[in-house]
mmCIF file of all heavy atoms, coordinates in Angstrom:
data_MODEL
# 
_entry.id   MODEL 
# 
loop_
_atom_site.group_PDB 
_atom_site.id 
_atom_site.type_symbol 
_atom_site.label_atom_id 
_atom_site.label_alt_id 
_atom_site.label_comp_id 
_atom_site.label_asym_id 
_atom_site.label_entity_id 
_atom_site.label_seq_id 
_atom_site.pdbx_PDB_ins_code 
_atom_site.Cartn_x 
_atom_site.Cartn_y 
_atom_site.Cartn_z 
_atom_site.occupancy 
_atom_site.B_iso_or_equiv 
_atom_site.pdbx_formal_charge 
_atom_site.auth_seq_id 
_atom_site.auth_comp_id 
_atom_site.auth_asym_id 
_atom_site.auth_atom_id 
_atom_site.pdbx_PDB_model_num 
ATOM 1   N N   . GLU A 1 1  ? -7.963  -12.557 -1.950  1.00 0.00 ? 1  GLU A N   1 
ATOM 2   C CA  . GLU A 1 1  ? -8.380  -11.675 -2.900  1.00 0.00 ? 1  GLU A CA  1 
ATOM 3   C C   . GLU A 1 1  ? -7.526  -10.449 -2.682  1.00 0.00 ? 1  GLU A C   1 
ATOM 4   O O   . GLU A 1 1  ? -7.145  -9.775  -3.820  1.00 0.00 ? 1  GLU A O   1 
ATOM 5   C CB  . GLU A 1 1  ? -9.881  -11.255 -2.647  1.00 0.00 ? 1  GLU A CB  1 
ATOM 6   C CG  . GLU A 1 1  ? -10.819 -12.331 -3.123  1.00 0.00 ? 1  GLU A CG  1 
ATOM 7   C CD  . GLU A 1 1  ? -10.952 -13.561 -1.952  1.00 0.00 ? 1  GLU A CD  1 
ATOM 8   O OE1 . GLU A 1 1  ? -10.407 -13.324 -0.859  1.00 0.00 ? 1  GLU A OE1 1 
ATOM 9   O OE2 . GLU A 1 1  ? -11.406 -14.583 -2.408  1.00 0.00 ? 1  GLU A OE2 1 
ATOM 10  N N   . VAL A 1 2  ? -7.226  -10.071 -1.564  1.00 0.00 ? 2  VAL A N   1 
ATOM 11  C CA  . VAL A 1 2  ? -6.434  -8.782  -1.237  1.00 0.00 ? 2  VAL A CA  1 
ATOM 12  C C   . VAL A 1 2  ? -5.002  -9.047  -1.748  1.00 0.00 ? 2  VAL A C   1 
ATOM 13  O O   . VAL A 1 2  ? -4.325  -8.205  -2.556  1.00 0.00 ? 2  VAL A O   1 
ATOM 14  C CB  . VAL A 1 2  ? -6.424  -8.469  0.215   1.00 0.00 ? 2  VAL A CB  1 
ATOM 15  C CG1 . VAL A 1 2  ? -5.217  -7.556  0.412   1.00 0.00 ? 2  VAL A CG1 1 
ATOM 16  C CG2 . VAL A 1 2  ? -7.631  -7.900  0.586   1.00 0.00 ? 2  VAL A CG2 1 
ATOM 17  N N   . LYS A 1 3  ? -4.467  -10.243 -1.518  1.00 0.00 ? 3  LYS A N   1 
ATOM 18  C CA  . LYS A 1 3  ? -3.075  -10.509 -2.093  1.00 0.00 ? 3  LYS A CA  1 
ATOM 19  C C   . LYS A 1 3  ? -3.117  -10.520 -3.547  1.00 0.00 ? 3  LYS A C   1 
ATOM 20  O O   . LYS A 1 3  ? -2.065  -10.109 -4.168  1.00 0.00 ? 3  LYS A O   1 
ATOM 21  C CB  . LYS A 1 3  ? -2.659  -11.971 -1.561  1.00 0.00 ? 3  LYS A CB  1 
ATOM 22  C CG  . LYS A 1 3  ? -2.529  -12.056 -0.134  1.00 0.00 ? 3  LYS A CG  1 
ATOM 23  C CD  . LYS A 1 3  ? -2.331  -13.606 0.446   1.00 0.00 ? 3  LYS A CD  1 
ATOM 24  C CE  . LYS A 1 3  ? -2.290  -13.725 1.837   1.00 0.00 ? 3  LYS A CE  1 
ATOM 25  N NZ  . LYS A 1 3  ? -2.295  -15.151 2.232   1.00 0.00 ? 3  LYS A NZ  1 
ATOM 26  N N   . LYS A 1 4  ? -4.000  -11.120 -4.129  1.00 0.00 ? 4  LYS A N   1 
ATOM 27  C CA  . LYS A 1 4  ? -4.126  -11.298 -5.703  1.00 0.00 ? 4  LYS A CA  1 
ATOM 28  C C   . LYS A 1 4  ? -4.208  -9.744  -6.261  1.00 0.00 ? 4  LYS A C   1 
ATOM 29  O O   . LYS A 1 4  ? -3.672  -9.488  -7.246  1.00 0.00 ? 4  LYS A O   1 
ATOM 30  C CB  . LYS A 1 4  ? -5.217  -12.246 -6.184  1.00 0.00 ? 4  LYS A CB  1 
ATOM 31  C CG  . LYS A 1 4  ? -4.844  -13.645 -5.990  1.00 0.00 ? 4  LYS A CG  1 
ATOM 32  C CD  . LYS A 1 4  ? -6.020  -14.480 -6.271  1.00 0.00 ? 4  LYS A CD  1 
ATOM 33  C CE  . LYS A 1 4  ? -5.814  -16.012 -5.947  1.00 0.00 ? 4  LYS A CE  1 
ATOM 34  N NZ  . LYS A 1 4  ? -6.959  -16.756 -6.401  1.00 0.00 ? 4  LYS A NZ  1 
ATOM 35  N N   . ARG A 1 5  ? -5.030  -8.946  -5.554  1.00 0.00 ? 5  ARG A N   1 
ATOM 36  C CA  . ARG A 1 5  ? -5.194  -7.604  -6.043  1.00 0.00 ? 5  ARG A CA  1 
ATOM 37  C C   . ARG A 1 5  ? -4.088  -6.760  -6.046  1.00 0.00 ? 5  ARG A C   1 
ATOM 38  O O   . ARG A 1 5  ? -3.802  -5.915  -6.914  1.00 0.00 ? 5  ARG A O   1 
ATOM 39  C CB  . ARG A 1 5  ? -6.548  -6.977  -5.390  1.00 0.00 ? 5  ARG A CB  1 
ATOM 40  C CG  . ARG A 1 5  ? -6.621  -5.509  -5.467  1.00 0.00 ? 5  ARG A CG  1 
ATOM 41  C CD  . ARG A 1 5  ? -6.982  -5.104  -6.902  1.00 0.00 ? 5  ARG A CD  1 
ATOM 42  N NE  . ARG A 1 5  ? -6.983  -3.695  -7.245  1.00 0.00 ? 5  ARG A NE  1 
ATOM 43  C CZ  . ARG A 1 5  ? -5.935  -2.862  -7.410  1.00 0.00 ? 5  ARG A CZ  1 
ATOM 44  N NH1 . ARG A 1 5  ? -4.638  -3.442  -7.454  1.00 0.00 ? 5  ARG A NH1 1 
ATOM 45  N NH2 . ARG A 1 5  ? -5.939  -1.620  -7.513  1.00 0.00 ? 5  ARG A NH2 1 
ATOM 46  N N   . PHE A 1 6  ? -3.350  -6.804  -4.851  1.00 0.00 ? 6  PHE A N   1 
ATOM 47  C CA  . PHE A 1 6  ? -2.221  -5.711  -4.689  1.00 0.00 ? 6  PHE A CA  1 
ATOM 48  C C   . PHE A 1 6  ? -0.910  -6.176  -4.842  1.00 0.00 ? 6  PHE A C   1 
ATOM 49  O O   . PHE A 1 6  ? -0.074  -5.325  -5.175  1.00 0.00 ? 6  PHE A O   1 
ATOM 50  C CB  . PHE A 1 6  ? -2.600  -5.112  -3.176  1.00 0.00 ? 6  PHE A CB  1 
ATOM 51  C CG  . PHE A 1 6  ? -3.830  -4.386  -2.945  1.00 0.00 ? 6  PHE A CG  1 
ATOM 52  C CD1 . PHE A 1 6  ? -4.812  -4.761  -2.162  1.00 0.00 ? 6  PHE A CD1 1 
ATOM 53  C CD2 . PHE A 1 6  ? -3.988  -3.209  -3.687  1.00 0.00 ? 6  PHE A CD2 1 
ATOM 54  C CE1 . PHE A 1 6  ? -5.890  -4.194  -2.000  1.00 0.00 ? 6  PHE A CE1 1 
ATOM 55  C CE2 . PHE A 1 6  ? -5.253  -2.418  -3.627  1.00 0.00 ? 6  PHE A CE2 1 
ATOM 56  C CZ  . PHE A 1 6  ? -6.177  -2.970  -2.664  1.00 0.00 ? 6  PHE A CZ  1 
ATOM 57  N N   . LEU A 1 7  ? -0.532  -7.369  -4.557  1.00 0.00 ? 7  LEU A N   1 
ATOM 58  C CA  . LEU A 1 7  ? 0.987   -7.625  -4.543  1.00 0.00 ? 7  LEU A CA  1 
ATOM 59  C C   . LEU A 1 7  ? 1.680   -7.453  -5.797  1.00 0.00 ? 7  LEU A C   1 
ATOM 60  O O   . LEU A 1 7  ? 2.795   -6.882  -5.836  1.00 0.00 ? 7  LEU A O   1 
ATOM 61  C CB  . LEU A 1 7  ? 1.152   -9.092  -3.944  1.00 0.00 ? 7  LEU A CB  1 
ATOM 62  C CG  . LEU A 1 7  ? 0.897   -9.360  -2.531  1.00 0.00 ? 7  LEU A CG  1 
ATOM 63  C CD1 . LEU A 1 7  ? 1.001   -10.837 -2.121  1.00 0.00 ? 7  LEU A CD1 1 
ATOM 64  C CD2 . LEU A 1 7  ? 1.731   -8.591  -1.652  1.00 0.00 ? 7  LEU A CD2 1 
ATOM 65  N N   . ARG A 1 8  ? 1.098   -7.957  -6.905  1.00 0.00 ? 8  ARG A N   1 
ATOM 66  C CA  . ARG A 1 8  ? 1.847   -7.814  -8.256  1.00 0.00 ? 8  ARG A CA  1 
ATOM 67  C C   . ARG A 1 8  ? 2.031   -6.443  -8.740  1.00 0.00 ? 8  ARG A C   1 
ATOM 68  O O   . ARG A 1 8  ? 3.185   -6.070  -8.958  1.00 0.00 ? 8  ARG A O   1 
ATOM 69  C CB  . ARG A 1 8  ? 1.183   -8.673  -9.270  1.00 0.00 ? 8  ARG A CB  1 
ATOM 70  C CG  . ARG A 1 8  ? 2.076   -8.850  -10.545 1.00 0.00 ? 8  ARG A CG  1 
ATOM 71  C CD  . ARG A 1 8  ? 1.431   -9.813  -11.684 1.00 0.00 ? 8  ARG A CD  1 
ATOM 72  N NE  . ARG A 1 8  ? 2.247   -10.191 -12.591 1.00 0.00 ? 8  ARG A NE  1 
ATOM 73  C CZ  . ARG A 1 8  ? 2.580   -9.484  -13.657 1.00 0.00 ? 8  ARG A CZ  1 
ATOM 74  N NH1 . ARG A 1 8  ? 2.056   -8.210  -13.769 1.00 0.00 ? 8  ARG A NH1 1 
ATOM 75  N NH2 . ARG A 1 8  ? 3.379   -9.934  -14.573 1.00 0.00 ? 8  ARG A NH2 1 
ATOM 76  N N   . PRO A 1 9  ? 1.037   -5.534  -8.735  1.00 0.00 ? 9  PRO A N   1 
ATOM 77  C CA  . PRO A 1 9  ? 1.253   -4.116  -9.192  1.00 0.00 ? 9  PRO A CA  1 
ATOM 78  C C   . PRO A 1 9  ? 1.991   -3.318  -8.211  1.00 0.00 ? 9  PRO A C   1 
ATOM 79  O O   . PRO A 1 9  ? 2.600   -2.424  -8.518  1.00 0.00 ? 9  PRO A O   1 
ATOM 80  C CB  . PRO A 1 9  ? -0.213  -3.604  -9.376  1.00 0.00 ? 9  PRO A CB  1 
ATOM 81  C CG  . PRO A 1 9  ? -1.094  -4.592  -8.539  1.00 0.00 ? 9  PRO A CG  1 
ATOM 82  C CD  . PRO A 1 9  ? -0.466  -5.901  -8.635  1.00 0.00 ? 9  PRO A CD  1 
ATOM 83  N N   . MET A 1 10 ? 2.025   -3.735  -6.926  1.00 0.00 ? 10 MET A N   1 
ATOM 84  C CA  . MET A 1 10 ? 2.866   -3.137  -5.968  1.00 0.00 ? 10 MET A CA  1 
ATOM 85  C C   . MET A 1 10 ? 4.301   -3.462  -6.294  1.00 0.00 ? 10 MET A C   1 
ATOM 86  O O   . MET A 1 10 ? 5.283   -2.613  -6.352  1.00 0.00 ? 10 MET A O   1 
ATOM 87  C CB  . MET A 1 10 ? 2.537   -3.676  -4.547  1.00 0.00 ? 10 MET A CB  1 
ATOM 88  C CG  . MET A 1 10 ? 3.592   -3.170  -3.504  1.00 0.00 ? 10 MET A CG  1 
ATOM 89  S SD  . MET A 1 10 ? 3.308   -4.063  -1.892  1.00 0.00 ? 10 MET A SD  1 
ATOM 90  C CE  . MET A 1 10 ? 1.562   -3.854  -1.579  1.00 0.00 ? 10 MET A CE  1 
ATOM 91  N N   . PHE A 1 11 ? 4.738   -4.662  -6.591  1.00 0.00 ? 11 PHE A N   1 
ATOM 92  C CA  . PHE A 1 11 ? 6.018   -5.022  -7.016  1.00 0.00 ? 11 PHE A CA  1 
ATOM 93  C C   . PHE A 1 11 ? 6.574   -4.454  -8.228  1.00 0.00 ? 11 PHE A C   1 
ATOM 94  O O   . PHE A 1 11 ? 7.752   -4.119  -8.327  1.00 0.00 ? 11 PHE A O   1 
ATOM 95  C CB  . PHE A 1 11 ? 6.139   -6.598  -6.765  1.00 0.00 ? 11 PHE A CB  1 
ATOM 96  C CG  . PHE A 1 11 ? 7.634   -7.047  -6.958  1.00 0.00 ? 11 PHE A CG  1 
ATOM 97  C CD1 . PHE A 1 11 ? 8.534   -6.945  -5.993  1.00 0.00 ? 11 PHE A CD1 1 
ATOM 98  C CD2 . PHE A 1 11 ? 8.053   -7.541  -8.181  1.00 0.00 ? 11 PHE A CD2 1 
ATOM 99  C CE1 . PHE A 1 11 ? 9.867   -7.264  -6.090  1.00 0.00 ? 11 PHE A CE1 1 
ATOM 100 C CE2 . PHE A 1 11 ? 9.523   -7.823  -8.377  1.00 0.00 ? 11 PHE A CE2 1 
ATOM 101 C CZ  . PHE A 1 11 ? 10.326  -7.663  -7.374  1.00 0.00 ? 11 PHE A CZ  1 
ATOM 102 N N   . THR A 1 12 ? 5.736   -4.493  -9.140  1.00 0.00 ? 12 THR A N   1 
ATOM 103 C CA  . THR A 1 12 ? 6.135   -3.913  -10.442 1.00 0.00 ? 12 THR A CA  1 
ATOM 104 C C   . THR A 1 12 ? 6.419   -2.359  -10.466 1.00 0.00 ? 12 THR A C   1 
ATOM 105 O O   . THR A 1 12 ? 6.901   -1.813  -11.432 1.00 0.00 ? 12 THR A O   1 
ATOM 106 C CB  . THR A 1 12 ? 5.140   -4.228  -11.605 1.00 0.00 ? 12 THR A CB  1 
ATOM 107 O OG1 . THR A 1 12 ? 3.811   -3.669  -11.264 1.00 0.00 ? 12 THR A OG1 1 
ATOM 108 C CG2 . THR A 1 12 ? 4.857   -5.809  -11.742 1.00 0.00 ? 12 THR A CG2 1 
ATOM 109 N N   . GLY A 1 13 ? 5.790   -1.715  -9.441  1.00 0.00 ? 13 GLY A N   1 
ATOM 110 C CA  . GLY A 1 13 ? 5.895   -0.352  -9.362  1.00 0.00 ? 13 GLY A CA  1 
ATOM 111 C C   . GLY A 1 13 ? 4.733   0.495   -10.126 1.00 0.00 ? 13 GLY A C   1 
ATOM 112 O O   . GLY A 1 13 ? 4.754   1.716   -10.139 1.00 0.00 ? 13 GLY A O   1 
ATOM 113 N N   . GLU A 1 14 ? 3.728   -0.386  -10.607 1.00 0.00 ? 14 GLU A N   1 
ATOM 114 C CA  . GLU A 1 14 ? 2.677   0.382   -11.227 1.00 0.00 ? 14 GLU A CA  1 
ATOM 115 C C   . GLU A 1 14 ? 1.745   0.966   -10.275 1.00 0.00 ? 14 GLU A C   1 
ATOM 116 O O   . GLU A 1 14 ? 0.950   1.895   -10.685 1.00 0.00 ? 14 GLU A O   1 
ATOM 117 C CB  . GLU A 1 14 ? 1.833   -0.784  -12.135 1.00 0.00 ? 14 GLU A CB  1 
ATOM 118 C CG  . GLU A 1 14 ? 2.648   -1.323  -13.354 1.00 0.00 ? 14 GLU A CG  1 
ATOM 119 C CD  . GLU A 1 14 ? 2.174   -2.577  -13.869 1.00 0.00 ? 14 GLU A CD  1 
ATOM 120 O OE1 . GLU A 1 14 ? 2.216   -3.693  -13.253 1.00 0.00 ? 14 GLU A OE1 1 
ATOM 121 O OE2 . GLU A 1 14 ? 1.525   -2.510  -14.931 1.00 0.00 ? 14 GLU A OE2 1 
ATOM 122 N N   . GLU A 1 15 ? 1.720   0.537   -9.015  1.00 0.00 ? 15 GLU A N   1 
ATOM 123 C CA  . GLU A 1 15 ? 0.876   1.144   -7.965  1.00 0.00 ? 15 GLU A CA  1 
ATOM 124 C C   . GLU A 1 15 ? 2.092   1.488   -6.777  1.00 0.00 ? 15 GLU A C   1 
ATOM 125 O O   . GLU A 1 15 ? 2.599   0.558   -6.276  1.00 0.00 ? 15 GLU A O   1 
ATOM 126 C CB  . GLU A 1 15 ? -0.134  0.377   -7.432  1.00 0.00 ? 15 GLU A CB  1 
ATOM 127 C CG  . GLU A 1 15 ? -1.319  0.171   -8.579  1.00 0.00 ? 15 GLU A CG  1 
ATOM 128 C CD  . GLU A 1 15 ? -2.361  -0.754  -8.056  1.00 0.00 ? 15 GLU A CD  1 
ATOM 129 O OE1 . GLU A 1 15 ? -2.325  -1.329  -7.103  1.00 0.00 ? 15 GLU A OE1 1 
ATOM 130 O OE2 . GLU A 1 15 ? -3.406  -0.728  -8.868  1.00 0.00 ? 15 GLU A OE2 1 
ATOM 131 N N   . VAL A 1 16 ? 1.952   2.680   -6.397  1.00 0.00 ? 16 VAL A N   1 
ATOM 132 C CA  . VAL A 1 16 ? 2.875   3.233   -5.336  1.00 0.00 ? 16 VAL A CA  1 
ATOM 133 C C   . VAL A 1 16 ? 2.056   3.376   -4.026  1.00 0.00 ? 16 VAL A C   1 
ATOM 134 O O   . VAL A 1 16 ? 0.907   3.813   -4.001  1.00 0.00 ? 16 VAL A O   1 
ATOM 135 C CB  . VAL A 1 16 ? 3.410   4.601   -5.658  1.00 0.00 ? 16 VAL A CB  1 
ATOM 136 C CG1 . VAL A 1 16 ? 4.317   5.098   -4.694  1.00 0.00 ? 16 VAL A CG1 1 
ATOM 137 C CG2 . VAL A 1 16 ? 4.297   4.395   -7.044  1.00 0.00 ? 16 VAL A CG2 1 
ATOM 138 N N   . TRP A 1 17 ? 2.700   2.962   -2.921  1.00 0.00 ? 17 TRP A N   1 
ATOM 139 C CA  . TRP A 1 17 ? 2.108   2.995   -1.576  1.00 0.00 ? 17 TRP A CA  1 
ATOM 140 C C   . TRP A 1 17 ? 2.769   3.958   -0.612  1.00 0.00 ? 17 TRP A C   1 
ATOM 141 O O   . TRP A 1 17 ? 3.913   4.377   -0.884  1.00 0.00 ? 17 TRP A O   1 
ATOM 142 C CB  . TRP A 1 17 ? 2.225   1.565   -1.083  1.00 0.00 ? 17 TRP A CB  1 
ATOM 143 C CG  . TRP A 1 17 ? 1.158   0.593   -1.696  1.00 0.00 ? 17 TRP A CG  1 
ATOM 144 C CD1 . TRP A 1 17 ? 1.261   0.084   -2.832  1.00 0.00 ? 17 TRP A CD1 1 
ATOM 145 C CD2 . TRP A 1 17 ? 0.096   -0.092  -1.006  1.00 0.00 ? 17 TRP A CD2 1 
ATOM 146 N NE1 . TRP A 1 17 ? 0.359   -0.806  -3.122  1.00 0.00 ? 17 TRP A NE1 1 
ATOM 147 C CE2 . TRP A 1 17 ? -0.465  -0.795  -1.898  1.00 0.00 ? 17 TRP A CE2 1 
ATOM 148 C CE3 . TRP A 1 17 ? -0.566  0.052   0.240   1.00 0.00 ? 17 TRP A CE3 1 
ATOM 149 C CZ2 . TRP A 1 17 ? -1.623  -1.604  -1.720  1.00 0.00 ? 17 TRP A CZ2 1 
ATOM 150 C CZ3 . TRP A 1 17 ? -1.636  -0.648  0.416   1.00 0.00 ? 17 TRP A CZ3 1 
ATOM 151 C CH2 . TRP A 1 17 ? -2.214  -1.507  -0.498  1.00 0.00 ? 17 TRP A CH2 1 
ATOM 152 N N   . CYS A 1 18 ? 1.834   4.422   0.288   1.00 0.00 ? 18 CYS A N   1 
ATOM 153 C CA  . CYS A 1 18 ? 2.401   5.162   1.409   1.00 0.00 ? 18 CYS A CA  1 
ATOM 154 C C   . CYS A 1 18 ? 1.857   4.619   2.760   1.00 0.00 ? 18 CYS A C   1 
ATOM 155 O O   . CYS A 1 18 ? 0.960   3.739   2.753   1.00 0.00 ? 18 CYS A O   1 
ATOM 156 C CB  . CYS A 1 18 ? 2.106   6.649   1.260   1.00 0.00 ? 18 CYS A CB  1 
ATOM 157 S SG  . CYS A 1 18 ? 0.364   7.003   1.422   1.00 0.00 ? 18 CYS A SG  1 
ATOM 158 N N   . GLN A 1 19 ? 2.227   5.219   3.757   1.00 0.00 ? 19 GLN A N   1 
ATOM 159 C CA  . GLN A 1 19 ? 1.799   4.731   5.164   1.00 0.00 ? 19 GLN A CA  1 
ATOM 160 C C   . GLN A 1 19 ? 0.915   5.801   5.852   1.00 0.00 ? 19 GLN A C   1 
ATOM 161 O O   . GLN A 1 19 ? 1.407   7.063   5.957   1.00 0.00 ? 19 GLN A O   1 
ATOM 162 C CB  . GLN A 1 19 ? 3.117   4.447   5.997   1.00 0.00 ? 19 GLN A CB  1 
ATOM 163 C CG  . GLN A 1 19 ? 2.807   3.725   7.277   1.00 0.00 ? 19 GLN A CG  1 
ATOM 164 C CD  . GLN A 1 19 ? 4.118   3.391   8.015   1.00 0.00 ? 19 GLN A CD  1 
ATOM 165 O OE1 . GLN A 1 19 ? 5.258   3.838   7.523   1.00 0.00 ? 19 GLN A OE1 1 
ATOM 166 N NE2 . GLN A 1 19 ? 4.112   2.835   9.195   1.00 0.00 ? 19 GLN A NE2 1 
ATOM 167 N N   . LEU A 1 20 ? -0.165  5.466   6.320   1.00 0.00 ? 20 LEU A N   1 
ATOM 168 C CA  . LEU A 1 20 ? -1.085  6.428   7.043   1.00 0.00 ? 20 LEU A CA  1 
ATOM 169 C C   . LEU A 1 20 ? -1.290  5.827   8.494   1.00 0.00 ? 20 LEU A C   1 
ATOM 170 O O   . LEU A 1 20 ? -2.349  5.310   8.730   1.00 0.00 ? 20 LEU A O   1 
ATOM 171 C CB  . LEU A 1 20 ? -2.376  6.520   6.219   1.00 0.00 ? 20 LEU A CB  1 
ATOM 172 C CG  . LEU A 1 20 ? -2.283  6.937   4.789   1.00 0.00 ? 20 LEU A CG  1 
ATOM 173 C CD1 . LEU A 1 20 ? -3.649  6.823   4.023   1.00 0.00 ? 20 LEU A CD1 1 
ATOM 174 C CD2 . LEU A 1 20 ? -1.768  8.297   4.672   1.00 0.00 ? 20 LEU A CD2 1 
ATOM 175 N N   . PHE A 1 21 ? -0.349  6.207   9.384   1.00 0.00 ? 21 PHE A N   1 
ATOM 176 C CA  . PHE A 1 21 ? -0.413  5.740   10.691  1.00 0.00 ? 21 PHE A CA  1 
ATOM 177 C C   . PHE A 1 21 ? -0.558  6.865   11.650  1.00 0.00 ? 21 PHE A C   1 
ATOM 178 O O   . PHE A 1 21 ? -1.499  7.038   12.335  1.00 0.00 ? 21 PHE A O   1 
ATOM 179 C CB  . PHE A 1 21 ? 0.923   4.855   11.088  1.00 0.00 ? 21 PHE A CB  1 
ATOM 180 C CG  . PHE A 1 21 ? 0.815   3.452   10.674  1.00 0.00 ? 21 PHE A CG  1 
ATOM 181 C CD1 . PHE A 1 21 ? 0.074   3.111   9.496   1.00 0.00 ? 21 PHE A CD1 1 
ATOM 182 C CD2 . PHE A 1 21 ? 1.532   2.498   11.304  1.00 0.00 ? 21 PHE A CD2 1 
ATOM 183 C CE1 . PHE A 1 21 ? 0.031   1.711   9.089   1.00 0.00 ? 21 PHE A CE1 1 
ATOM 184 C CE2 . PHE A 1 21 ? 1.450   1.132   11.005  1.00 0.00 ? 21 PHE A CE2 1 
ATOM 185 C CZ  . PHE A 1 21 ? 0.766   0.760   9.837   1.00 0.00 ? 21 PHE A CZ  1 
ATOM 186 N N   . SER A 1 22 ? 0.512   7.625   11.741  1.00 0.00 ? 22 SER A N   1 
ATOM 187 C CA  . SER A 1 22 ? 0.499   8.716   12.777  1.00 0.00 ? 22 SER A CA  1 
ATOM 188 C C   . SER A 1 22 ? -0.540  9.860   12.647  1.00 0.00 ? 22 SER A C   1 
ATOM 189 O O   . SER A 1 22 ? -0.911  10.022  11.595  1.00 0.00 ? 22 SER A O   1 
ATOM 190 C CB  . SER A 1 22 ? 1.879   9.380   12.748  1.00 0.00 ? 22 SER A CB  1 
ATOM 191 O OG  . SER A 1 22 ? 2.966   8.555   13.306  1.00 0.00 ? 22 SER A OG  1 
ATOM 192 N N   . GLU A 1 23 ? -0.975  10.232  13.878  1.00 0.00 ? 23 GLU A N   1 
ATOM 193 C CA  . GLU A 1 23 ? -1.959  11.351  13.894  1.00 0.00 ? 23 GLU A CA  1 
ATOM 194 C C   . GLU A 1 23 ? -1.421  12.547  14.718  1.00 0.00 ? 23 GLU A C   1 
ATOM 195 O O   . GLU A 1 23 ? -0.533  12.272  15.535  1.00 0.00 ? 23 GLU A O   1 
ATOM 196 C CB  . GLU A 1 23 ? -3.296  10.878  14.350  1.00 0.00 ? 23 GLU A CB  1 
ATOM 197 C CG  . GLU A 1 23 ? -3.828  9.759   13.545  1.00 0.00 ? 23 GLU A CG  1 
ATOM 198 C CD  . GLU A 1 23 ? -5.198  9.280   14.048  1.00 0.00 ? 23 GLU A CD  1 
ATOM 199 O OE1 . GLU A 1 23 ? -5.757  9.807   14.989  1.00 0.00 ? 23 GLU A OE1 1 
ATOM 200 O OE2 . GLU A 1 23 ? -5.786  8.267   13.390  1.00 0.00 ? 23 GLU A OE2 1 
ATOM 201 N N   . PRO A 1 24 ? -1.923  13.679  14.687  1.00 0.00 ? 24 PRO A N   1 
ATOM 202 C CA  . PRO A 1 24 ? -1.607  14.870  15.529  1.00 0.00 ? 24 PRO A CA  1 
ATOM 203 C C   . PRO A 1 24 ? -1.601  14.455  17.082  1.00 0.00 ? 24 PRO A C   1 
ATOM 204 O O   . PRO A 1 24 ? -0.768  14.971  17.813  1.00 0.00 ? 24 PRO A O   1 
ATOM 205 C CB  . PRO A 1 24 ? -2.629  15.892  15.224  1.00 0.00 ? 24 PRO A CB  1 
ATOM 206 C CG  . PRO A 1 24 ? -2.875  15.643  13.822  1.00 0.00 ? 24 PRO A CG  1 
ATOM 207 C CD  . PRO A 1 24 ? -3.006  14.178  13.637  1.00 0.00 ? 24 PRO A CD  1 
ATOM 208 N N   . GLY A 1 25 ? -2.545  13.443  17.522  1.00 0.00 ? 25 GLY A N   1 
ATOM 209 C CA  . GLY A 1 25 ? -2.555  13.165  18.804  1.00 0.00 ? 25 GLY A CA  1 
ATOM 210 C C   . GLY A 1 25 ? -2.263  11.735  19.117  1.00 0.00 ? 25 GLY A C   1 
ATOM 211 O O   . GLY A 1 25 ? -2.426  11.137  20.218  1.00 0.00 ? 25 GLY A O   1 
ATOM 212 N N   . ALA A 1 26 ? -1.482  11.036  18.063  1.00 0.00 ? 26 ALA A N   1 
ATOM 213 C CA  . ALA A 1 26 ? -1.187  9.640   18.236  1.00 0.00 ? 26 ALA A CA  1 
ATOM 214 C C   . ALA A 1 26 ? 0.035   9.396   17.440  1.00 0.00 ? 26 ALA A C   1 
ATOM 215 O O   . ALA A 1 26 ? 0.001   8.862   16.302  1.00 0.00 ? 26 ALA A O   1 
ATOM 216 C CB  . ALA A 1 26 ? -2.322  8.713   17.856  1.00 0.00 ? 26 ALA A CB  1 
# 
């Protein structure tokens, strides 16, 4: 379900992504 929901609009550029990893203490 996650693959079907996100991969296509991600590749077409209709949905833009970012990365939320680092923290002030990590």
